[in-house]
Amino acid sequence: MSSTNVITPRSSSRSVPWAAAQPAVARPSTALTVLVVLILLLAVLAAGVGVFYGGGGSGPFEFTTVRGDTVTVYGHGIYRYDGADMVAQAIPQDMVTLVLAVPLLAIALVLYRRGSLRGTFLLAGTLAYFLYTYTVMALGAALNPLFLVYVALFSLSLYAFIMAMLAVDLRALPGAFDDRLPRKTIAGFLFFSAAFLILAWLGRIVPAQLGGTTPVGMSTSTTLFIQAMDLGVVVPMMVLAAVQLLQRRPFGYLLTAVAIMKFVTMGLALDAMILGQYFAGVPMTVAEMVIFPIISLVAIVMAVIVLKAARQGDSESGRG
């Protein structure tokens, strides 16, 4: 990117190993700011309706799927045509979106506007949460009056995420981190999380495929769209981030920071979903009920470590 489009942080007089290579963060983009503001507004609408609107529908009813399975449809509110087990996840996630993800995205936007590298990491990672969440809603939720809102959130989050990733100067990024960053520990966490997702989802898919039965979690859906996204996008992202981080590649630092930030928000959403499913009586394995919350807690610790290590580049310029 052109040197006229970057903010170079103030040099430090302190002699530290990583001070020589100063990172650069692109000048705050008006277009990205507009996209994020639109995401905030639409997310409050979508999640707020999901949590607070309970009107419409005649109550739960039984439904026979195309595979011949009988499932209970929720029958209330905006999710009236979704399976009751799916709604036990959707409403808790809407709560997390309102209480955590929306405020975090707003904070990240403010920090990004100040030229903060940490804020840019937080912005990209939180946008990854919105991108994942509303891709699932646009493609997986039963058609309802908020469908176009889900599509708009999916589209806005996709392009905002790309712009946030491009806001970081990769050439300077390795020098932004303290040499004491525990790269092997962070990479190990990413490898473990990827392996757990693979085993957890294959544990549902393979026995059902071999036995000719319906996998757990299908509900009213015709395919396992969440597992498709996790196995096709999230797992490769974690493995690539870990490998590139161990090799000290610039993209590895960026992808690791974004993956960890996304893990924090998505992990807490998963914890809320697990509680929702537990109280709704949805079958889950012990491993899913125990390991997912542990991963989300470790992700918080890793996020703190990564953000503390990214000490350079936080020039509070406030320009833009």
C-alpha atoms as a PDB file:
ATOM      1  CA  MET A   1       0.000   0.000   0.000  1.00  0.00           C
ATOM      2  CA  SER A   2       1.149   3.563  -0.573  1.00  0.00           C
ATOM      3  CA  SER A   3       3.144   5.264   2.142  1.00  0.00           C
ATOM      4  CA  THR A   4       0.750   8.175   1.968  1.00  0.00           C
ATOM      5  CA  ASN A   5      -2.007   5.953   3.299  1.00  0.00           C
ATOM      6  CA  VAL A   6      -0.384   4.754   6.481  1.00  0.00           C
ATOM      7  CA  ILE A   7       0.148   6.095   9.944  1.00  0.00           C
ATOM      8  CA  THR A   8       3.650   5.417  11.237  1.00  0.00           C
ATOM      9  CA  PRO A   9       3.693   5.194  15.029  1.00  0.00           C
ATOM     10  CA  ARG A  10       5.917   7.505  17.036  1.00  0.00           C
ATOM     11  CA  SER A  11       9.361   6.125  17.636  1.00  0.00           C
ATOM     12  CA  SER A  12      10.257   5.097  21.153  1.00  0.00           C
ATOM     13  CA  SER A  13      13.470   6.051  22.913  1.00  0.00           C
ATOM     14  CA  ARG A  14      13.419   2.815  24.867  1.00  0.00           C
ATOM     15  CA  SER A  15      15.857   0.188  23.670  1.00  0.00           C
ATOM     16  CA  VAL A  16      13.870  -2.994  23.207  1.00  0.00           C
ATOM     17  CA  PRO A  17      14.449  -5.838  20.731  1.00  0.00           C
ATOM     18  CA  TRP A  18      11.257  -5.255  18.790  1.00  0.00           C
ATOM     19  CA  ALA A  19      11.362  -1.454  18.609  1.00  0.00           C
ATOM     20  CA  ALA A  20      13.356  -1.286  15.392  1.00  0.00           C
ATOM     21  CA  ALA A  21      10.568  -2.541  13.162  1.00  0.00           C
ATOM     22  CA  GLN A  22       7.610  -0.238  13.576  1.00  0.00           C
ATOM     23  CA  PRO A  23       4.282  -1.502  12.245  1.00  0.00           C
ATOM     24  CA  ALA A  24       1.938   0.585  10.183  1.00  0.00           C
ATOM     25  CA  VAL A  25      -1.846   0.700  10.255  1.00  0.00           C
ATOM     26  CA  ALA A  26      -3.785   2.198   7.377  1.00  0.00           C
ATOM     27  CA  ARG A  27      -5.427   5.537   7.930  1.00  0.00           C
ATOM     28  CA  PRO A  28      -8.964   5.034   9.233  1.00  0.00           C
ATOM     29  CA  SER A  29     -11.265   4.309   6.331  1.00  0.00           C
ATOM     30  CA  THR A  30     -14.569   6.151   6.106  1.00  0.00           C
ATOM     31  CA  ALA A  31     -16.008   3.299   4.057  1.00  0.00           C
ATOM     32  CA  LEU A  32     -15.067   0.727   6.697  1.00  0.00           C
ATOM     33  CA  THR A  33     -16.478   2.951   9.427  1.00  0.00           C
ATOM     34  CA  VAL A  34     -19.802   3.224   7.594  1.00  0.00           C
ATOM     35  CA  LEU A  35     -19.946  -0.547   7.098  1.00  0.00           C
ATOM     36  CA  VAL A  36     -19.326  -1.189  10.791  1.00  0.00           C
ATOM     37  CA  VAL A  37     -21.945   1.335  11.889  1.00  0.00           C
ATOM     38  CA  LEU A  38     -24.485  -0.348   9.608  1.00  0.00           C
ATOM     39  CA  ILE A  39     -23.537  -3.732  11.060  1.00  0.00           C
ATOM     40  CA  LEU A  40     -24.049  -2.409  14.587  1.00  0.00           C
ATOM     41  CA  LEU A  41     -27.496  -1.039  13.767  1.00  0.00           C
ATOM     42  CA  LEU A  42     -28.699  -4.115  11.895  1.00  0.00           C
ATOM     43  CA  ALA A  43     -27.255  -6.524  14.468  1.00  0.00           C
ATOM     44  CA  VAL A  44     -29.141  -4.775  17.263  1.00  0.00           C
ATOM     45  CA  LEU A  45     -32.309  -5.117  15.180  1.00  0.00           C
ATOM     46  CA  ALA A  46     -31.793  -8.785  14.293  1.00  0.00           C
ATOM     47  CA  ALA A  47     -30.623  -9.955  17.706  1.00  0.00           C
ATOM     48  CA  GLY A  48     -33.115  -7.753  19.553  1.00  0.00           C
ATOM     49  CA  VAL A  49     -36.041  -9.223  17.634  1.00  0.00           C
ATOM     50  CA  GLY A  50     -34.679 -12.720  18.228  1.00  0.00           C
ATOM     51  CA  VAL A  51     -34.536 -12.193  21.984  1.00  0.00           C
ATOM     52  CA  PHE A  52     -37.549 -10.016  22.705  1.00  0.00           C
ATOM     53  CA  TYR A  53     -40.157 -10.785  20.067  1.00  0.00           C
ATOM     54  CA  GLY A  54     -42.286 -13.737  21.050  1.00  0.00           C
ATOM     55  CA  GLY A  55     -45.462 -12.987  19.125  1.00  0.00           C
ATOM     56  CA  GLY A  56     -46.916 -14.909  16.217  1.00  0.00           C
ATOM     57  CA  GLY A  57     -47.236 -18.631  15.778  1.00  0.00           C
ATOM     58  CA  SER A  58     -49.555 -21.086  17.474  1.00  0.00           C
ATOM     59  CA  GLY A  59     -46.986 -22.810  19.654  1.00  0.00           C
ATOM     60  CA  PRO A  60     -44.799 -25.913  19.258  1.00  0.00           C
ATOM     61  CA  PHE A  61     -45.819 -28.597  16.800  1.00  0.00           C
ATOM     62  CA  GLU A  62     -44.414 -31.818  15.390  1.00  0.00           C
ATOM     63  CA  PHE A  63     -42.903 -31.848  11.920  1.00  0.00           C
ATOM     64  CA  THR A  64     -41.757 -34.715   9.713  1.00  0.00           C
ATOM     65  CA  THR A  65     -38.534 -33.900   7.861  1.00  0.00           C
ATOM     66  CA  VAL A  66     -37.629 -34.986   4.333  1.00  0.00           C
ATOM     67  CA  ARG A  67     -35.631 -37.810   5.925  1.00  0.00           C
ATOM     68  CA  GLY A  68     -38.680 -39.102   7.752  1.00  0.00           C
ATOM     69  CA  ASP A  69     -37.605 -37.902  11.219  1.00  0.00           C
ATOM     70  CA  THR A  70     -40.114 -36.263  13.548  1.00  0.00           C
ATOM     71  CA  VAL A  71     -38.859 -33.068  15.184  1.00  0.00           C
ATOM     72  CA  THR A  72     -40.446 -30.355  17.306  1.00  0.00           C
ATOM     73  CA  VAL A  73     -40.759 -26.946  15.671  1.00  0.00           C
ATOM     74  CA  TYR A  74     -40.490 -23.957  18.033  1.00  0.00           C
ATOM     75  CA  GLY A  75     -43.708 -22.282  16.890  1.00  0.00           C
ATOM     76  CA  HIS A  76     -43.145 -18.834  18.483  1.00  0.00           C
ATOM     77  CA  GLY A  77     -41.666 -15.468  17.523  1.00  0.00           C
ATOM     78  CA  ILE A  78     -39.282 -14.811  14.678  1.00  0.00           C
ATOM     79  CA  TYR A  79     -37.974 -18.390  14.880  1.00  0.00           C
ATOM     80  CA  ARG A  80     -41.401 -20.005  14.735  1.00  0.00           C
ATOM     81  CA  TYR A  81     -40.458 -22.269  11.806  1.00  0.00           C
ATOM     82  CA  ASP A  82     -37.122 -23.423  13.196  1.00  0.00           C
ATOM     83  CA  GLY A  83     -36.601 -26.589  15.197  1.00  0.00           C
ATOM     84  CA  ALA A  84     -36.888 -26.151  18.964  1.00  0.00           C
ATOM     85  CA  ASP A  85     -33.347 -27.499  19.411  1.00  0.00           C
ATOM     86  CA  MET A  86     -31.994 -24.895  16.964  1.00  0.00           C
ATOM     87  CA  VAL A  87     -33.826 -22.067  18.722  1.00  0.00           C
ATOM     88  CA  ALA A  88     -32.270 -23.232  21.996  1.00  0.00           C
ATOM     89  CA  GLN A  89     -28.995 -22.091  20.392  1.00  0.00           C
ATOM     90  CA  ALA A  90     -30.208 -19.093  18.375  1.00  0.00           C
ATOM     91  CA  ILE A  91     -31.747 -17.076  21.223  1.00  0.00           C
ATOM     92  CA  PRO A  92     -28.744 -17.447  23.593  1.00  0.00           C
ATOM     93  CA  GLN A  93     -26.468 -16.399  20.742  1.00  0.00           C
ATOM     94  CA  ASP A  94     -28.670 -13.366  20.089  1.00  0.00           C
ATOM     95  CA  MET A  95     -28.198 -12.453  23.755  1.00  0.00           C
ATOM     96  CA  VAL A  96     -24.414 -12.719  23.436  1.00  0.00           C
ATOM     97  CA  THR A  97     -24.540 -10.602  20.284  1.00  0.00           C
ATOM     98  CA  LEU A  98     -26.446  -7.854  22.101  1.00  0.00           C
ATOM     99  CA  VAL A  99     -24.545  -7.940  25.384  1.00  0.00           C
ATOM    100  CA  LEU A 100     -21.013  -8.680  24.192  1.00  0.00           C
ATOM    101  CA  ALA A 101     -20.420  -8.615  20.430  1.00  0.00           C
ATOM    102  CA  VAL A 102     -22.157  -5.306  19.639  1.00  0.00           C
ATOM    103  CA  PRO A 103     -20.392  -3.328  22.428  1.00  0.00           C
ATOM    104  CA  LEU A 104     -17.070  -4.984  21.566  1.00  0.00           C
ATOM    105  CA  LEU A 105     -17.434  -4.055  17.902  1.00  0.00           C
ATOM    106  CA  ALA A 106     -18.238  -0.456  18.862  1.00  0.00           C
ATOM    107  CA  ILE A 107     -15.153  -0.279  21.097  1.00  0.00           C
ATOM    108  CA  ALA A 108     -13.000  -1.845  18.383  1.00  0.00           C
ATOM    109  CA  LEU A 109     -14.217   0.739  15.883  1.00  0.00           C
ATOM    110  CA  VAL A 110     -13.236   3.598  18.196  1.00  0.00           C
ATOM    111  CA  LEU A 111      -9.766   2.113  18.730  1.00  0.00           C
ATOM    112  CA  TYR A 112      -9.351   1.486  15.011  1.00  0.00           C
ATOM    113  CA  ARG A 113     -10.282   5.115  14.288  1.00  0.00           C
ATOM    114  CA  ARG A 114      -7.429   6.134  16.623  1.00  0.00           C
ATOM    115  CA  GLY A 115      -4.901   4.157  14.578  1.00  0.00           C
ATOM    116  CA  SER A 116      -4.539   1.369  17.130  1.00  0.00           C
ATOM    117  CA  LEU A 117      -3.070  -1.922  15.904  1.00  0.00           C
ATOM    118  CA  ARG A 118      -4.692  -3.719  18.805  1.00  0.00           C
ATOM    119  CA  GLY A 119      -7.982  -2.083  17.931  1.00  0.00           C
ATOM    120  CA  THR A 120      -7.613  -3.227  14.322  1.00  0.00           C
ATOM    121  CA  PHE A 121      -7.020  -6.809  15.470  1.00  0.00           C
ATOM    122  CA  LEU A 122     -10.069  -6.583  17.713  1.00  0.00           C
ATOM    123  CA  LEU A 123     -12.123  -5.079  14.903  1.00  0.00           C
ATOM    124  CA  ALA A 124     -11.216  -7.815  12.400  1.00  0.00           C
ATOM    125  CA  GLY A 125     -11.744 -10.571  14.962  1.00  0.00           C
ATOM    126  CA  THR A 126     -15.141  -9.271  16.036  1.00  0.00           C
ATOM    127  CA  LEU A 127     -16.183  -8.802  12.417  1.00  0.00           C
ATOM    128  CA  ALA A 128     -15.250 -12.461  11.890  1.00  0.00           C
ATOM    129  CA  TYR A 129     -17.805 -13.317  14.580  1.00  0.00           C
ATOM    130  CA  PHE A 130     -20.526 -11.325  12.805  1.00  0.00           C
ATOM    131  CA  LEU A 131     -19.547 -12.821   9.450  1.00  0.00           C
ATOM    132  CA  TYR A 132     -19.777 -16.374  10.802  1.00  0.00           C
ATOM    133  CA  THR A 133     -22.982 -15.729  12.737  1.00  0.00           C
ATOM    134  CA  TYR A 134     -24.956 -14.124   9.944  1.00  0.00           C
ATOM    135  CA  THR A 135     -23.683 -16.495   7.278  1.00  0.00           C
ATOM    136  CA  VAL A 136     -25.259 -19.199   9.428  1.00  0.00           C
ATOM    137  CA  MET A 137     -28.460 -17.197   9.847  1.00  0.00           C
ATOM    138  CA  ALA A 138     -28.756 -16.300   6.163  1.00  0.00           C
ATOM    139  CA  LEU A 139     -28.170 -19.863   5.002  1.00  0.00           C
ATOM    140  CA  GLY A 140     -29.469 -21.948   7.893  1.00  0.00           C
ATOM    141  CA  ALA A 141     -32.378 -20.236   9.637  1.00  0.00           C
ATOM    142  CA  ALA A 142     -35.883 -20.935   8.371  1.00  0.00           C
ATOM    143  CA  LEU A 143     -37.123 -18.122   6.132  1.00  0.00           C
ATOM    144  CA  ASN A 144     -38.556 -15.310   8.246  1.00  0.00           C
ATOM    145  CA  PRO A 145     -39.170 -11.530   7.926  1.00  0.00           C
ATOM    146  CA  LEU A 146     -35.532 -10.793   8.896  1.00  0.00           C
ATOM    147  CA  PHE A 147     -34.052 -12.791   6.012  1.00  0.00           C
ATOM    148  CA  LEU A 148     -32.885  -9.702   4.101  1.00  0.00           C
ATOM    149  CA  VAL A 149     -31.405  -8.285   7.313  1.00  0.00           C
ATOM    150  CA  TYR A 150     -29.388 -11.492   7.741  1.00  0.00           C
ATOM    151  CA  VAL A 151     -28.216 -11.255   4.124  1.00  0.00           C
ATOM    152  CA  ALA A 152     -27.243  -7.600   4.602  1.00  0.00           C
ATOM    153  CA  LEU A 153     -25.306  -8.453   7.789  1.00  0.00           C
ATOM    154  CA  PHE A 154     -23.553 -11.325   6.014  1.00  0.00           C
ATOM    155  CA  SER A 155     -22.548  -9.075   3.102  1.00  0.00           C
ATOM    156  CA  LEU A 156     -21.549  -6.064   5.191  1.00  0.00           C
ATOM    157  CA  SER A 157     -19.512  -8.238   7.571  1.00  0.00           C
ATOM    158  CA  LEU A 158     -17.709  -9.951   4.703  1.00  0.00           C
ATOM    159  CA  TYR A 159     -16.469  -6.748   3.084  1.00  0.00           C
ATOM    160  CA  ALA A 160     -15.802  -5.000   6.396  1.00  0.00           C
ATOM    161  CA  PHE A 161     -13.728  -7.999   7.504  1.00  0.00           C
ATOM    162  CA  ILE A 162     -11.679  -7.900   4.296  1.00  0.00           C
ATOM    163  CA  MET A 163     -11.069  -4.161   4.695  1.00  0.00           C
ATOM    164  CA  ALA A 164     -10.055  -4.579   8.341  1.00  0.00           C
ATOM    165  CA  MET A 165      -7.555  -7.288   7.405  1.00  0.00           C
ATOM    166  CA  LEU A 166      -6.093  -5.098   4.657  1.00  0.00           C
ATOM    167  CA  ALA A 167      -5.681  -2.214   7.115  1.00  0.00           C
ATOM    168  CA  VAL A 168      -2.582  -3.875   8.603  1.00  0.00           C
ATOM    169  CA  ASP A 169       0.818  -3.577   6.906  1.00  0.00           C
ATOM    170  CA  LEU A 170       1.967  -7.211   6.816  1.00  0.00           C
ATOM    171  CA  ARG A 171       5.585  -6.325   6.055  1.00  0.00           C
ATOM    172  CA  ALA A 172       5.988  -4.596   9.390  1.00  0.00           C
ATOM    173  CA  LEU A 173       3.751  -6.868  11.450  1.00  0.00           C
ATOM    174  CA  PRO A 174       6.312  -9.328  12.923  1.00  0.00           C
ATOM    175  CA  GLY A 175       8.170  -6.382  14.427  1.00  0.00           C
ATOM    176  CA  ALA A 176       4.999  -5.291  16.180  1.00  0.00           C
ATOM    177  CA  PHE A 177       5.146  -8.198  18.609  1.00  0.00           C
ATOM    178  CA  ASP A 178       7.303  -8.697  21.651  1.00  0.00           C
ATOM    179  CA  ASP A 179       9.830 -11.489  21.037  1.00  0.00           C
ATOM    180  CA  ARG A 180       8.516 -13.115  24.215  1.00  0.00           C
ATOM    181  CA  LEU A 181       5.204 -13.916  22.497  1.00  0.00           C
ATOM    182  CA  PRO A 182       4.658 -17.644  23.270  1.00  0.00           C
ATOM    183  CA  ARG A 183       4.238 -18.667  19.666  1.00  0.00           C
ATOM    184  CA  LYS A 184       4.469 -22.412  20.358  1.00  0.00           C
ATOM    185  CA  THR A 185       1.835 -22.247  23.104  1.00  0.00           C
ATOM    186  CA  ILE A 186      -0.559 -20.236  20.949  1.00  0.00           C
ATOM    187  CA  ALA A 187       0.030 -22.522  17.957  1.00  0.00           C
ATOM    188  CA  GLY A 188      -0.579 -25.538  20.190  1.00  0.00           C
ATOM    189  CA  PHE A 189      -3.901 -24.078  21.300  1.00  0.00           C
ATOM    190  CA  LEU A 190      -4.917 -23.511  17.681  1.00  0.00           C
ATOM    191  CA  PHE A 191      -3.895 -27.046  16.686  1.00  0.00           C
ATOM    192  CA  PHE A 192      -5.793 -28.529  19.647  1.00  0.00           C
ATOM    193  CA  SER A 193      -8.930 -26.518  18.891  1.00  0.00           C
ATOM    194  CA  ALA A 194      -8.822 -27.556  15.238  1.00  0.00           C
ATOM    195  CA  ALA A 195      -8.351 -31.222  16.184  1.00  0.00           C
ATOM    196  CA  PHE A 196     -11.226 -31.079  18.660  1.00  0.00           C
ATOM    197  CA  LEU A 197     -13.587 -29.584  16.086  1.00  0.00           C
ATOM    198  CA  ILE A 198     -12.620 -32.277  13.596  1.00  0.00           C
ATOM    199  CA  LEU A 199     -13.178 -35.088  16.099  1.00  0.00           C
ATOM    200  CA  ALA A 200     -16.392 -33.594  17.505  1.00  0.00           C
ATOM    201  CA  TRP A 201     -18.041 -33.112  14.133  1.00  0.00           C
ATOM    202  CA  LEU A 202     -16.751 -36.299  12.520  1.00  0.00           C
ATOM    203  CA  GLY A 203     -18.044 -38.119  15.586  1.00  0.00           C
ATOM    204  CA  ARG A 204     -21.512 -36.990  14.545  1.00  0.00           C
ATOM    205  CA  ILE A 205     -21.155 -37.323  10.796  1.00  0.00           C
ATOM    206  CA  VAL A 206     -19.247 -40.553  10.158  1.00  0.00           C
ATOM    207  CA  PRO A 207     -21.341 -42.975  12.296  1.00  0.00           C
ATOM    208  CA  ALA A 208     -24.536 -41.544  10.811  1.00  0.00           C
ATOM    209  CA  GLN A 209     -23.158 -41.833   7.273  1.00  0.00           C
ATOM    210  CA  LEU A 210     -22.049 -45.421   7.833  1.00  0.00           C
ATOM    211  CA  GLY A 211     -25.290 -46.367   9.574  1.00  0.00           C
ATOM    212  CA  GLY A 212     -27.604 -44.581   7.185  1.00  0.00           C
ATOM    213  CA  THR A 213     -29.129 -42.521   9.991  1.00  0.00           C
ATOM    214  CA  THR A 214     -29.658 -38.798  10.514  1.00  0.00           C
ATOM    215  CA  PRO A 215     -26.759 -37.050  12.299  1.00  0.00           C
ATOM    216  CA  VAL A 216     -27.471 -35.373  15.629  1.00  0.00           C
ATOM    217  CA  GLY A 217     -28.197 -31.684  15.139  1.00  0.00           C
ATOM    218  CA  MET A 218     -29.958 -31.833  11.786  1.00  0.00           C
ATOM    219  CA  SER A 219     -33.339 -30.764  13.223  1.00  0.00           C
ATOM    220  CA  THR A 220     -35.452 -29.265  10.400  1.00  0.00           C
ATOM    221  CA  SER A 221     -32.394 -28.643   8.181  1.00  0.00           C
ATOM    222  CA  THR A 222     -31.496 -30.742   5.169  1.00  0.00           C
ATOM    223  CA  THR A 223     -27.725 -30.584   5.729  1.00  0.00           C
ATOM    224  CA  LEU A 224     -25.115 -29.834   8.396  1.00  0.00           C
ATOM    225  CA  PHE A 225     -24.294 -26.252   7.404  1.00  0.00           C
ATOM    226  CA  ILE A 226     -22.549 -25.338  10.676  1.00  0.00           C
ATOM    227  CA  GLN A 227     -20.273 -28.356  10.474  1.00  0.00           C
ATOM    228  CA  ALA A 228     -19.585 -27.505   6.822  1.00  0.00           C
ATOM    229  CA  MET A 229     -18.419 -24.012   7.811  1.00  0.00           C
ATOM    230  CA  ASP A 230     -16.342 -25.245  10.736  1.00  0.00           C
ATOM    231  CA  LEU A 231     -14.639 -28.044   8.823  1.00  0.00           C
ATOM    232  CA  GLY A 232     -14.308 -26.088   5.579  1.00  0.00           C
ATOM    233  CA  VAL A 233     -13.330 -22.640   6.890  1.00  0.00           C
ATOM    234  CA  VAL A 234     -12.604 -22.459  10.619  1.00  0.00           C
ATOM    235  CA  VAL A 235     -10.394 -25.545  10.957  1.00  0.00           C
ATOM    236  CA  PRO A 236      -8.163 -24.682   7.945  1.00  0.00           C
ATOM    237  CA  MET A 237      -7.897 -21.092   9.237  1.00  0.00           C
ATOM    238  CA  MET A 238      -6.628 -22.282  12.633  1.00  0.00           C
ATOM    239  CA  VAL A 239      -4.148 -24.737  11.136  1.00  0.00           C
ATOM    240  CA  LEU A 240      -2.840 -22.152   8.664  1.00  0.00           C
ATOM    241  CA  ALA A 241      -2.535 -19.534  11.411  1.00  0.00           C
ATOM    242  CA  ALA A 242      -0.616 -21.924  13.662  1.00  0.00           C
ATOM    243  CA  VAL A 243       1.799 -23.062  10.946  1.00  0.00           C
ATOM    244  CA  GLN A 244       2.466 -19.528   9.718  1.00  0.00           C
ATOM    245  CA  LEU A 245       2.928 -18.246  13.277  1.00  0.00           C
ATOM    246  CA  LEU A 246       5.522 -20.929  14.016  1.00  0.00           C
ATOM    247  CA  GLN A 247       7.321 -19.910  10.836  1.00  0.00           C
ATOM    248  CA  ARG A 248       7.201 -16.241  11.912  1.00  0.00           C
ATOM    249  CA  ARG A 249       5.384 -15.350   8.704  1.00  0.00           C
ATOM    250  CA  PRO A 250       3.663 -11.932   8.749  1.00  0.00           C
ATOM    251  CA  PHE A 251       0.295 -13.373   7.731  1.00  0.00           C
ATOM    252  CA  GLY A 252       0.577 -15.864  10.571  1.00  0.00           C
ATOM    253  CA  TYR A 253       0.680 -13.063  13.145  1.00  0.00           C
ATOM    254  CA  LEU A 254      -2.337 -11.356  11.605  1.00  0.00           C
ATOM    255  CA  LEU A 255      -4.394 -14.513  11.144  1.00  0.00           C
ATOM    256  CA  THR A 256      -3.547 -15.707  14.656  1.00  0.00           C
ATOM    257  CA  ALA A 257      -4.614 -12.419  16.237  1.00  0.00           C
ATOM    258  CA  VAL A 258      -7.874 -12.396  14.283  1.00  0.00           C
ATOM    259  CA  ALA A 259      -8.591 -16.079  14.985  1.00  0.00           C
ATOM    260  CA  ILE A 260      -8.046 -15.625  18.718  1.00  0.00           C
ATOM    261  CA  MET A 261     -10.271 -12.535  18.856  1.00  0.00           C
ATOM    262  CA  LYS A 262     -12.990 -14.409  16.970  1.00  0.00           C
ATOM    263  CA  PHE A 263     -12.606 -17.366  19.321  1.00  0.00           C
ATOM    264  CA  VAL A 264     -13.377 -15.202  22.326  1.00  0.00           C
ATOM    265  CA  THR A 265     -16.732 -13.963  21.044  1.00  0.00           C
ATOM    266  CA  MET A 266     -17.725 -17.205  19.327  1.00  0.00           C
ATOM    267  CA  GLY A 267     -16.582 -19.249  22.322  1.00  0.00           C
ATOM    268  CA  LEU A 268     -18.770 -17.302  24.715  1.00  0.00           C
ATOM    269  CA  ALA A 269     -21.654 -17.637  22.258  1.00  0.00           C
ATOM    270  CA  LEU A 270     -21.066 -21.402  22.197  1.00  0.00           C
ATOM    271  CA  ASP A 271     -21.134 -21.483  26.002  1.00  0.00           C
ATOM    272  CA  ALA A 272     -24.506 -19.730  25.928  1.00  0.00           C
ATOM    273  CA  MET A 273     -25.749 -22.173  23.273  1.00  0.00           C
ATOM    274  CA  ILE A 274     -24.656 -25.148  25.363  1.00  0.00           C
ATOM    275  CA  LEU A 275     -26.614 -23.825  28.339  1.00  0.00           C
ATOM    276  CA  GLY A 276     -29.629 -23.198  26.135  1.00  0.00           C
ATOM    277  CA  GLN A 277     -29.500 -26.713  24.721  1.00  0.00           C
ATOM    278  CA  TYR A 278     -28.986 -28.242  28.163  1.00  0.00           C
ATOM    279  CA  PHE A 279     -32.087 -26.581  29.598  1.00  0.00           C
ATOM    280  CA  ALA A 280     -34.037 -27.473  26.450  1.00  0.00           C
ATOM    281  CA  GLY A 281     -33.062 -31.120  26.804  1.00  0.00           C
ATOM    282  CA  VAL A 282     -31.122 -31.258  23.525  1.00  0.00           C
ATOM    283  CA  PRO A 283     -28.724 -34.265  23.447  1.00  0.00           C
ATOM    284  CA  MET A 284     -25.019 -33.364  23.580  1.00  0.00           C
ATOM    285  CA  THR A 285     -21.856 -35.303  24.300  1.00  0.00           C
ATOM    286  CA  VAL A 286     -19.988 -34.775  27.556  1.00  0.00           C
ATOM    287  CA  ALA A 287     -16.930 -33.710  25.556  1.00  0.00           C
ATOM    288  CA  GLU A 288     -18.908 -30.914  23.869  1.00  0.00           C
ATOM    289  CA  MET A 289     -20.329 -29.723  27.192  1.00  0.00           C
ATOM    290  CA  VAL A 290     -16.914 -29.643  28.878  1.00  0.00           C
ATOM    291  CA  ILE A 291     -14.266 -28.956  26.240  1.00  0.00           C
ATOM    292  CA  PHE A 292     -16.028 -26.136  24.364  1.00  0.00           C
ATOM    293  CA  PRO A 293     -16.252 -23.967  27.544  1.00  0.00           C
ATOM    294  CA  ILE A 294     -12.620 -24.768  28.386  1.00  0.00           C
ATOM    295  CA  ILE A 295     -11.527 -23.710  24.899  1.00  0.00           C
ATOM    296  CA  SER A 296     -13.438 -20.428  25.226  1.00  0.00           C
ATOM    297  CA  LEU A 297     -11.763 -19.676  28.581  1.00  0.00           C
ATOM    298  CA  VAL A 298      -8.316 -20.456  27.190  1.00  0.00           C
ATOM    299  CA  ALA A 299      -9.113 -18.247  24.177  1.00  0.00           C
ATOM    300  CA  ILE A 300      -9.683 -15.302  26.531  1.00  0.00           C
ATOM    301  CA  VAL A 301      -6.260 -15.880  28.106  1.00  0.00           C
ATOM    302  CA  MET A 302      -4.660 -16.150  24.671  1.00  0.00           C
ATOM    303  CA  ALA A 303      -6.371 -12.943  23.543  1.00  0.00           C
ATOM    304  CA  VAL A 304      -4.918 -11.062  26.500  1.00  0.00           C
ATOM    305  CA  ILE A 305      -1.446 -12.453  25.745  1.00  0.00           C
ATOM    306  CA  VAL A 306      -1.635 -11.534  22.056  1.00  0.00           C
ATOM    307  CA  LEU A 307      -2.937  -8.018  22.684  1.00  0.00           C
ATOM    308  CA  LYS A 308      -0.331  -7.348  25.368  1.00  0.00           C
ATOM    309  CA  ALA A 309       2.424  -8.589  23.065  1.00  0.00           C
ATOM    310  CA  ALA A 310       1.251  -6.300  20.228  1.00  0.00           C
ATOM    311  CA  ARG A 311       2.528  -3.211  22.017  1.00  0.00           C
ATOM    312  CA  GLN A 312       3.775  -1.270  19.035  1.00  0.00           C
ATOM    313  CA  GLY A 313       1.488   0.483  16.579  1.00  0.00           C
ATOM    314  CA  ASP A 314      -0.947   1.921  19.089  1.00  0.00           C
ATOM    315  CA  SER A 315      -0.351   5.522  18.158  1.00  0.00           C
ATOM    316  CA  GLU A 316      -3.448   7.274  19.394  1.00  0.00           C
ATOM    317  CA  SER A 317      -3.386   9.688  16.521  1.00  0.00           C
ATOM    318  CA  GLY A 318      -7.099  10.158  16.365  1.00  0.00           C
ATOM    319  CA  ARG A 319      -6.785  11.269  12.760  1.00  0.00           C
ATOM    320  CA  GLY A 320      -9.274  10.253  10.098  1.00  0.00           C
END
